[in-house]
Amino acid sequence: MFKEENSGSPEHNQKVLCRVIEEGFNKGNYAALDALFAPDYLEHQFSLKKTLEGFKEDLQFLRTGFPDFHLTIEDISADTEKVWIRMTARGTNLGPFMGPPTGKPITVIVMDVCRFEGGKIVEHWGVPDRFAVLAQLGLLPQPGQ
């Protein structure tokens, strides 16, 4: 995948995370994720499953609710251990997601931090704008209701 001597460098870690975004989120290629995550990977984002297999399940759930889901990387920065990334998520709610499909599009900002060891992701913290998702899908109570 990448040259071994670059494993663990900030540039390598950024490339790994970019592959996660492209293969996992944008293409739904869950098998490609196995080579990018450590076997003892730990998820810290609220409401997500804690393991790599759980992450794949959560990602599949997201892509079922939003079959055209796509992340665009806006900013990315790294040091030898962590990568920080800001993205724009877009998709159309055409499958079940917190209720029946609404057919409505969403555009939200997502912030993530991943910690790396040996060139693989070992931990993740994420902050999606969930209120923006709910508001855009019409799932938040409106004033006066």
N, C-alpha and C. Protein backbone atom coordinates (compact mmCIF):
# COMPACT_ATOMS: atom_id res chain seq x y z
N MET A 1 0.83 -1.19 0.00
CA MET A 1 0.00 0.00 0.00
C MET A 1 0.87 1.25 0.00
N PHE A 2 1.74 1.42 1.00
CA PHE A 2 2.67 2.54 1.08
C PHE A 2 4.04 1.99 1.40
N LYS A 3 5.07 2.73 1.07
CA LYS A 3 6.42 2.29 1.41
C LYS A 3 6.56 2.17 2.92
N GLU A 4 7.18 1.08 3.36
CA GLU A 4 7.32 0.80 4.79
C GLU A 4 8.07 1.91 5.52
N GLU A 5 9.10 2.51 4.88
CA GLU A 5 9.86 3.54 5.56
C GLU A 5 9.03 4.80 5.83
N ASN A 6 7.94 4.96 5.11
CA ASN A 6 7.08 6.12 5.33
C ASN A 6 5.99 5.84 6.36
N SER A 7 5.86 4.57 6.77
CA SER A 7 4.82 4.19 7.71
C SER A 7 4.98 4.99 9.00
N GLY A 8 3.91 5.66 9.39
CA GLY A 8 3.93 6.45 10.62
C GLY A 8 4.31 7.90 10.43
N SER A 9 4.74 8.28 9.23
CA SER A 9 5.04 9.69 8.99
C SER A 9 3.73 10.47 8.87
N PRO A 10 3.76 11.77 9.12
CA PRO A 10 2.53 12.57 8.96
C PRO A 10 1.92 12.42 7.56
N GLU A 11 2.75 12.39 6.54
CA GLU A 11 2.24 12.26 5.17
C GLU A 11 1.57 10.91 4.96
N HIS A 12 2.20 9.85 5.46
CA HIS A 12 1.62 8.50 5.35
C HIS A 12 0.27 8.46 6.07
N ASN A 13 0.22 8.98 7.29
CA ASN A 13 -1.01 8.95 8.07
C ASN A 13 -2.13 9.72 7.38
N GLN A 14 -1.81 10.85 6.77
CA GLN A 14 -2.81 11.60 6.01
C GLN A 14 -3.33 10.76 4.85
N LYS A 15 -2.43 10.08 4.14
CA LYS A 15 -2.85 9.23 3.01
C LYS A 15 -3.76 8.11 3.47
N VAL A 16 -3.44 7.52 4.62
CA VAL A 16 -4.28 6.45 5.17
C VAL A 16 -5.68 6.98 5.44
N LEU A 17 -5.78 8.13 6.11
CA LEU A 17 -7.09 8.68 6.42
C LEU A 17 -7.84 9.07 5.15
N CYS A 18 -7.16 9.60 4.18
CA CYS A 18 -7.81 9.93 2.90
C CYS A 18 -8.35 8.68 2.23
N ARG A 19 -7.64 7.57 2.34
CA ARG A 19 -8.14 6.29 1.79
C ARG A 19 -9.37 5.83 2.53
N VAL A 20 -9.40 6.00 3.86
CA VAL A 20 -10.60 5.64 4.63
C VAL A 20 -11.79 6.43 4.11
N ILE A 21 -11.60 7.72 3.90
CA ILE A 21 -12.68 8.58 3.42
C ILE A 21 -13.14 8.12 2.04
N GLU A 22 -12.20 7.96 1.12
CA GLU A 22 -12.56 7.61 -0.25
C GLU A 22 -13.14 6.20 -0.36
N GLU A 23 -12.45 5.22 0.20
CA GLU A 23 -12.89 3.83 0.03
C GLU A 23 -14.11 3.52 0.91
N GLY A 24 -14.03 3.86 2.19
CA GLY A 24 -15.10 3.49 3.11
C GLY A 24 -16.35 4.34 2.98
N PHE A 25 -16.17 5.65 3.10
CA PHE A 25 -17.33 6.55 3.10
C PHE A 25 -17.86 6.81 1.69
N ASN A 26 -16.98 7.14 0.76
CA ASN A 26 -17.45 7.56 -0.56
C ASN A 26 -17.79 6.40 -1.49
N LYS A 27 -17.10 5.27 -1.34
CA LYS A 27 -17.34 4.14 -2.25
C LYS A 27 -18.06 2.97 -1.57
N GLY A 28 -18.06 2.92 -0.24
CA GLY A 28 -18.67 1.78 0.45
C GLY A 28 -17.85 0.51 0.36
N ASN A 29 -16.55 0.64 0.16
CA ASN A 29 -15.65 -0.51 0.07
C ASN A 29 -15.14 -0.83 1.48
N TYR A 30 -15.93 -1.55 2.25
CA TYR A 30 -15.61 -1.82 3.66
C TYR A 30 -14.41 -2.74 3.81
N ALA A 31 -14.20 -3.64 2.87
CA ALA A 31 -13.06 -4.57 2.95
C ALA A 31 -11.73 -3.83 2.91
N ALA A 32 -11.67 -2.69 2.22
CA ALA A 32 -10.43 -1.92 2.13
C ALA A 32 -10.00 -1.36 3.48
N LEU A 33 -10.92 -1.26 4.41
CA LEU A 33 -10.62 -0.66 5.71
C LEU A 33 -9.73 -1.54 6.58
N ASP A 34 -9.78 -2.86 6.37
CA ASP A 34 -9.01 -3.78 7.21
C ASP A 34 -7.52 -3.45 7.23
N ALA A 35 -6.96 -3.05 6.10
CA ALA A 35 -5.53 -2.75 6.00
C ALA A 35 -5.17 -1.39 6.59
N LEU A 36 -6.17 -0.56 6.91
CA LEU A 36 -5.92 0.82 7.33
C LEU A 36 -6.08 1.03 8.84
N PHE A 37 -6.69 0.05 9.51
CA PHE A 37 -6.96 0.14 10.94
C PHE A 37 -6.20 -0.95 11.69
N ALA A 38 -5.77 -0.64 12.90
CA ALA A 38 -5.14 -1.64 13.78
C ALA A 38 -6.22 -2.60 14.27
N PRO A 39 -5.84 -3.85 14.55
CA PRO A 39 -6.82 -4.83 15.03
C PRO A 39 -7.52 -4.41 16.33
N ASP A 40 -6.83 -3.63 17.17
CA ASP A 40 -7.42 -3.20 18.44
C ASP A 40 -7.98 -1.77 18.37
N TYR A 41 -8.36 -1.34 17.17
CA TYR A 41 -8.95 -0.02 16.95
C TYR A 41 -10.05 0.27 17.96
N LEU A 42 -10.10 1.54 18.42
CA LEU A 42 -11.11 1.96 19.39
C LEU A 42 -11.80 3.23 18.92
N GLU A 43 -13.12 3.18 18.82
CA GLU A 43 -13.95 4.32 18.42
C GLU A 43 -14.41 5.07 19.66
N HIS A 44 -14.27 6.40 19.65
CA HIS A 44 -14.69 7.22 20.78
C HIS A 44 -15.90 8.10 20.48
N GLN A 45 -16.35 8.16 19.24
CA GLN A 45 -17.47 9.03 18.89
C GLN A 45 -18.74 8.52 19.54
N PHE A 46 -19.47 9.42 20.17
CA PHE A 46 -20.71 9.08 20.87
C PHE A 46 -21.68 8.36 19.92
N SER A 47 -22.28 7.31 20.40
CA SER A 47 -23.32 6.52 19.75
C SER A 47 -22.81 5.57 18.67
N LEU A 48 -21.51 5.53 18.40
CA LEU A 48 -20.98 4.58 17.43
C LEU A 48 -20.43 3.36 18.15
N LYS A 49 -20.43 2.24 17.45
CA LYS A 49 -19.87 1.01 18.00
C LYS A 49 -18.36 1.18 18.15
N LYS A 50 -17.75 0.48 19.08
CA LYS A 50 -16.37 0.76 19.51
C LYS A 50 -15.28 0.06 18.71
N THR A 51 -15.61 -0.92 17.86
CA THR A 51 -14.60 -1.73 17.17
C THR A 51 -14.61 -1.44 15.67
N LEU A 52 -13.61 -1.98 14.95
CA LEU A 52 -13.57 -1.82 13.50
C LEU A 52 -14.78 -2.48 12.85
N GLU A 53 -15.16 -3.67 13.28
CA GLU A 53 -16.35 -4.31 12.70
C GLU A 53 -17.59 -3.48 12.98
N GLY A 54 -17.69 -2.91 14.18
CA GLY A 54 -18.80 -2.03 14.50
C GLY A 54 -18.79 -0.77 13.65
N PHE A 55 -17.60 -0.22 13.42
CA PHE A 55 -17.47 0.97 12.56
C PHE A 55 -17.99 0.66 11.15
N LYS A 56 -17.64 -0.51 10.62
CA LYS A 56 -18.12 -0.91 9.29
C LYS A 56 -19.65 -1.00 9.27
N GLU A 57 -20.23 -1.56 10.34
CA GLU A 57 -21.69 -1.65 10.44
C GLU A 57 -22.32 -0.26 10.48
N ASP A 58 -21.75 0.64 11.28
CA ASP A 58 -22.26 2.01 11.36
C ASP A 58 -22.15 2.72 10.01
N LEU A 59 -21.05 2.50 9.32
CA LEU A 59 -20.84 3.11 8.01
C LEU A 59 -21.85 2.56 7.00
N GLN A 60 -22.11 1.28 7.05
CA GLN A 60 -23.10 0.68 6.15
C GLN A 60 -24.50 1.24 6.44
N PHE A 61 -24.83 1.42 7.73
CA PHE A 61 -26.10 2.03 8.11
C PHE A 61 -26.23 3.44 7.53
N LEU A 62 -25.15 4.22 7.65
CA LEU A 62 -25.14 5.58 7.11
C LEU A 62 -25.36 5.57 5.60
N ARG A 63 -24.64 4.69 4.90
CA ARG A 63 -24.74 4.64 3.43
C ARG A 63 -26.06 4.03 2.97
N THR A 64 -26.75 3.28 3.83
CA THR A 64 -28.09 2.79 3.48
C THR A 64 -29.08 3.95 3.56
N GLY A 65 -28.95 4.78 4.58
CA GLY A 65 -29.82 5.95 4.72
C GLY A 65 -29.55 7.03 3.68
N PHE A 66 -28.29 7.12 3.26
CA PHE A 66 -27.84 8.14 2.30
C PHE A 66 -26.99 7.45 1.23
N PRO A 67 -27.61 6.77 0.25
CA PRO A 67 -26.85 5.99 -0.73
C PRO A 67 -25.84 6.81 -1.53
N ASP A 68 -26.09 8.10 -1.68
CA ASP A 68 -25.16 8.97 -2.43
C ASP A 68 -24.21 9.72 -1.49
N PHE A 69 -24.06 9.24 -0.26
CA PHE A 69 -23.24 9.92 0.74
C PHE A 69 -21.82 10.16 0.20
N HIS A 70 -21.32 11.38 0.45
CA HIS A 70 -19.98 11.72 -0.02
C HIS A 70 -19.35 12.72 0.94
N LEU A 71 -18.11 12.48 1.30
CA LEU A 71 -17.34 13.41 2.12
C LEU A 71 -16.32 14.12 1.24
N THR A 72 -16.23 15.42 1.40
CA THR A 72 -15.22 16.24 0.71
C THR A 72 -14.28 16.78 1.77
N ILE A 73 -13.00 16.51 1.60
CA ILE A 73 -12.00 16.98 2.56
C ILE A 73 -11.74 18.47 2.31
N GLU A 74 -11.91 19.26 3.35
CA GLU A 74 -11.69 20.71 3.26
C GLU A 74 -10.33 21.10 3.81
N ASP A 75 -9.94 20.49 4.94
CA ASP A 75 -8.66 20.75 5.58
C ASP A 75 -8.16 19.46 6.20
N ILE A 76 -6.83 19.28 6.19
CA ILE A 76 -6.24 18.12 6.84
C ILE A 76 -4.87 18.53 7.36
N SER A 77 -4.54 18.07 8.57
CA SER A 77 -3.26 18.41 9.19
C SER A 77 -2.82 17.21 10.02
N ALA A 78 -1.51 17.02 10.14
CA ALA A 78 -1.01 15.85 10.85
C ALA A 78 0.30 16.15 11.56
N ASP A 79 0.52 15.37 12.63
CA ASP A 79 1.85 15.25 13.21
C ASP A 79 2.19 13.76 13.17
N THR A 80 3.18 13.33 13.92
CA THR A 80 3.60 11.93 13.81
C THR A 80 2.59 10.95 14.42
N GLU A 81 1.67 11.43 15.26
CA GLU A 81 0.72 10.53 15.92
C GLU A 81 -0.74 10.77 15.55
N LYS A 82 -1.12 12.00 15.21
CA LYS A 82 -2.53 12.32 14.99
C LYS A 82 -2.73 13.04 13.66
N VAL A 83 -3.95 12.82 13.12
CA VAL A 83 -4.39 13.54 11.92
C VAL A 83 -5.72 14.21 12.27
N TRP A 84 -5.83 15.49 11.96
CA TRP A 84 -7.04 16.27 12.14
C TRP A 84 -7.61 16.55 10.76
N ILE A 85 -8.93 16.44 10.63
CA ILE A 85 -9.53 16.63 9.32
C ILE A 85 -10.88 17.32 9.47
N ARG A 86 -11.15 18.25 8.55
CA ARG A 86 -12.46 18.93 8.47
C ARG A 86 -13.02 18.61 7.10
N MET A 87 -14.28 18.15 7.10
CA MET A 87 -14.90 17.73 5.85
C MET A 87 -16.31 18.28 5.73
N THR A 88 -16.83 18.26 4.51
CA THR A 88 -18.23 18.53 4.25
C THR A 88 -18.87 17.22 3.81
N ALA A 89 -19.93 16.84 4.52
CA ALA A 89 -20.69 15.64 4.19
C ALA A 89 -21.94 16.05 3.42
N ARG A 90 -22.20 15.31 2.35
CA ARG A 90 -23.40 15.55 1.55
C ARG A 90 -24.07 14.22 1.24
N GLY A 91 -25.38 14.24 1.16
CA GLY A 91 -26.11 13.05 0.79
C GLY A 91 -27.60 13.33 0.77
N THR A 92 -28.34 12.38 0.22
CA THR A 92 -29.79 12.48 0.14
C THR A 92 -30.39 11.32 0.91
N ASN A 93 -31.33 11.61 1.81
CA ASN A 93 -31.93 10.59 2.66
C ASN A 93 -32.96 9.78 1.87
N LEU A 94 -32.49 8.68 1.26
CA LEU A 94 -33.33 7.82 0.43
C LEU A 94 -33.61 6.47 1.07
N GLY A 95 -33.02 6.22 2.25
CA GLY A 95 -33.25 4.98 2.98
C GLY A 95 -33.56 5.28 4.42
N PRO A 96 -33.90 4.26 5.20
CA PRO A 96 -34.24 4.50 6.61
C PRO A 96 -33.08 5.11 7.38
N PHE A 97 -33.40 6.15 8.13
CA PHE A 97 -32.41 6.83 8.96
C PHE A 97 -33.18 7.65 9.99
N MET A 98 -33.22 7.17 11.22
CA MET A 98 -33.99 7.84 12.27
C MET A 98 -35.45 7.97 11.87
N GLY A 99 -35.95 7.00 11.15
CA GLY A 99 -37.32 7.01 10.65
C GLY A 99 -37.33 6.71 9.16
N PRO A 100 -38.48 6.84 8.53
CA PRO A 100 -38.56 6.55 7.09
C PRO A 100 -37.79 7.60 6.29
N PRO A 101 -37.43 7.27 5.05
CA PRO A 101 -36.69 8.23 4.22
C PRO A 101 -37.50 9.51 4.00
N THR A 102 -36.79 10.63 4.01
CA THR A 102 -37.44 11.92 3.79
C THR A 102 -37.26 12.41 2.36
N GLY A 103 -36.26 11.87 1.65
CA GLY A 103 -35.96 12.35 0.30
C GLY A 103 -35.21 13.67 0.30
N LYS A 104 -34.86 14.17 1.48
CA LYS A 104 -34.22 15.48 1.60
C LYS A 104 -32.70 15.36 1.57
N PRO A 105 -32.04 16.37 0.99
CA PRO A 105 -30.58 16.39 1.00
C PRO A 105 -30.04 17.00 2.29
N ILE A 106 -28.81 16.63 2.62
CA ILE A 106 -28.13 17.23 3.77
C ILE A 106 -26.75 17.71 3.32
N THR A 107 -26.27 18.74 3.97
CA THR A 107 -24.89 19.22 3.84
C THR A 107 -24.46 19.65 5.23
N VAL A 108 -23.46 18.94 5.79
CA VAL A 108 -23.02 19.24 7.16
C VAL A 108 -21.50 19.20 7.25
N ILE A 109 -20.99 19.88 8.25
CA ILE A 109 -19.56 19.89 8.54
C ILE A 109 -19.25 18.77 9.52
N VAL A 110 -18.12 18.09 9.28
CA VAL A 110 -17.66 17.00 10.14
C VAL A 110 -16.21 17.28 10.52
N MET A 111 -15.90 17.10 11.80
CA MET A 111 -14.53 17.25 12.30
C MET A 111 -14.11 15.92 12.90
N ASP A 112 -12.91 15.45 12.55
CA ASP A 112 -12.42 14.17 13.06
C ASP A 112 -10.95 14.29 13.46
N VAL A 113 -10.59 13.45 14.44
CA VAL A 113 -9.19 13.29 14.85
C VAL A 113 -8.94 11.79 14.92
N CYS A 114 -7.86 11.35 14.30
CA CYS A 114 -7.46 9.94 14.37
C CYS A 114 -6.06 9.85 14.94
N ARG A 115 -5.85 8.87 15.82
CA ARG A 115 -4.53 8.59 16.35
C ARG A 115 -3.98 7.35 15.66
N PHE A 116 -2.70 7.42 15.31
CA PHE A 116 -2.04 6.36 14.55
C PHE A 116 -0.93 5.71 15.36
N GLU A 117 -0.73 4.43 15.13
CA GLU A 117 0.45 3.69 15.59
C GLU A 117 0.88 2.79 14.46
N GLY A 118 2.16 2.82 14.11
CA GLY A 118 2.66 1.95 13.06
C GLY A 118 1.99 2.16 11.72
N GLY A 119 1.53 3.36 11.47
CA GLY A 119 0.92 3.67 10.18
C GLY A 119 -0.53 3.26 10.04
N LYS A 120 -1.16 2.83 11.15
CA LYS A 120 -2.57 2.43 11.11
C LYS A 120 -3.36 3.22 12.15
N ILE A 121 -4.65 3.37 11.89
CA ILE A 121 -5.53 4.09 12.82
C ILE A 121 -5.82 3.20 14.02
N VAL A 122 -5.56 3.74 15.21
CA VAL A 122 -5.85 2.99 16.44
C VAL A 122 -6.99 3.61 17.25
N GLU A 123 -7.25 4.90 17.06
CA GLU A 123 -8.34 5.57 17.77
C GLU A 123 -8.93 6.66 16.90
N HIS A 124 -10.24 6.94 17.13
CA HIS A 124 -10.93 8.00 16.38
C HIS A 124 -11.89 8.74 17.31
N TRP A 125 -11.91 10.07 17.16
CA TRP A 125 -12.87 10.95 17.81
C TRP A 125 -13.52 11.75 16.70
N GLY A 126 -14.84 11.83 16.68
CA GLY A 126 -15.52 12.57 15.62
C GLY A 126 -16.59 13.49 16.16
N VAL A 127 -16.82 14.58 15.43
CA VAL A 127 -17.83 15.56 15.81
C VAL A 127 -18.63 15.95 14.57
N PRO A 128 -19.65 15.14 14.21
CA PRO A 128 -20.53 15.55 13.12
C PRO A 128 -21.56 16.54 13.65
N ASP A 129 -22.07 17.39 12.81
CA ASP A 129 -23.08 18.38 13.20
C ASP A 129 -24.46 17.70 13.14
N ARG A 130 -24.78 16.94 14.18
CA ARG A 130 -26.02 16.16 14.19
C ARG A 130 -27.27 17.02 14.19
N PHE A 131 -27.23 18.19 14.84
CA PHE A 131 -28.40 19.06 14.82
C PHE A 131 -28.68 19.55 13.40
N ALA A 132 -27.64 19.82 12.65
CA ALA A 132 -27.83 20.24 11.25
C ALA A 132 -28.48 19.12 10.45
N VAL A 133 -28.06 17.87 10.69
CA VAL A 133 -28.67 16.73 9.99
C VAL A 133 -30.16 16.67 10.32
N LEU A 134 -30.49 16.70 11.62
CA LEU A 134 -31.90 16.62 12.03
C LEU A 134 -32.72 17.77 11.48
N ALA A 135 -32.16 18.98 11.51
CA ALA A 135 -32.89 20.15 11.00
C ALA A 135 -33.13 20.03 9.50
N GLN A 136 -32.11 19.62 8.76
CA GLN A 136 -32.25 19.52 7.30
C GLN A 136 -33.20 18.40 6.88
N LEU A 137 -33.31 17.37 7.71
CA LEU A 137 -34.25 16.28 7.40
C LEU A 137 -35.66 16.58 7.90
N GLY A 138 -35.83 17.72 8.60
CA GLY A 138 -37.15 18.09 9.11
C GLY A 138 -37.55 17.27 10.32
N LEU A 139 -36.57 16.77 11.08
CA LEU A 139 -36.84 15.91 12.23
C LEU A 139 -36.82 16.64 13.56
N LEU A 140 -36.54 17.94 13.56
CA LEU A 140 -36.58 18.73 14.78
C LEU A 140 -37.94 19.42 14.90
N PRO A 141 -38.46 19.51 16.12
CA PRO A 141 -39.74 20.23 16.27
C PRO A 141 -39.58 21.68 15.82
N GLN A 142 -40.58 22.18 15.17
CA GLN A 142 -40.60 23.57 14.71
C GLN A 142 -41.24 24.45 15.79
N PRO A 143 -40.85 25.71 15.89
CA PRO A 143 -41.47 26.60 16.87
C PRO A 143 -42.98 26.63 16.68
N GLY A 144 -43.70 26.55 17.81
CA GLY A 144 -45.14 26.60 17.76
C GLY A 144 -45.80 25.24 17.63
N GLN A 145 -44.98 24.16 17.53
CA GLN A 145 -45.56 22.82 17.43
C GLN A 145 -45.74 22.22 18.81
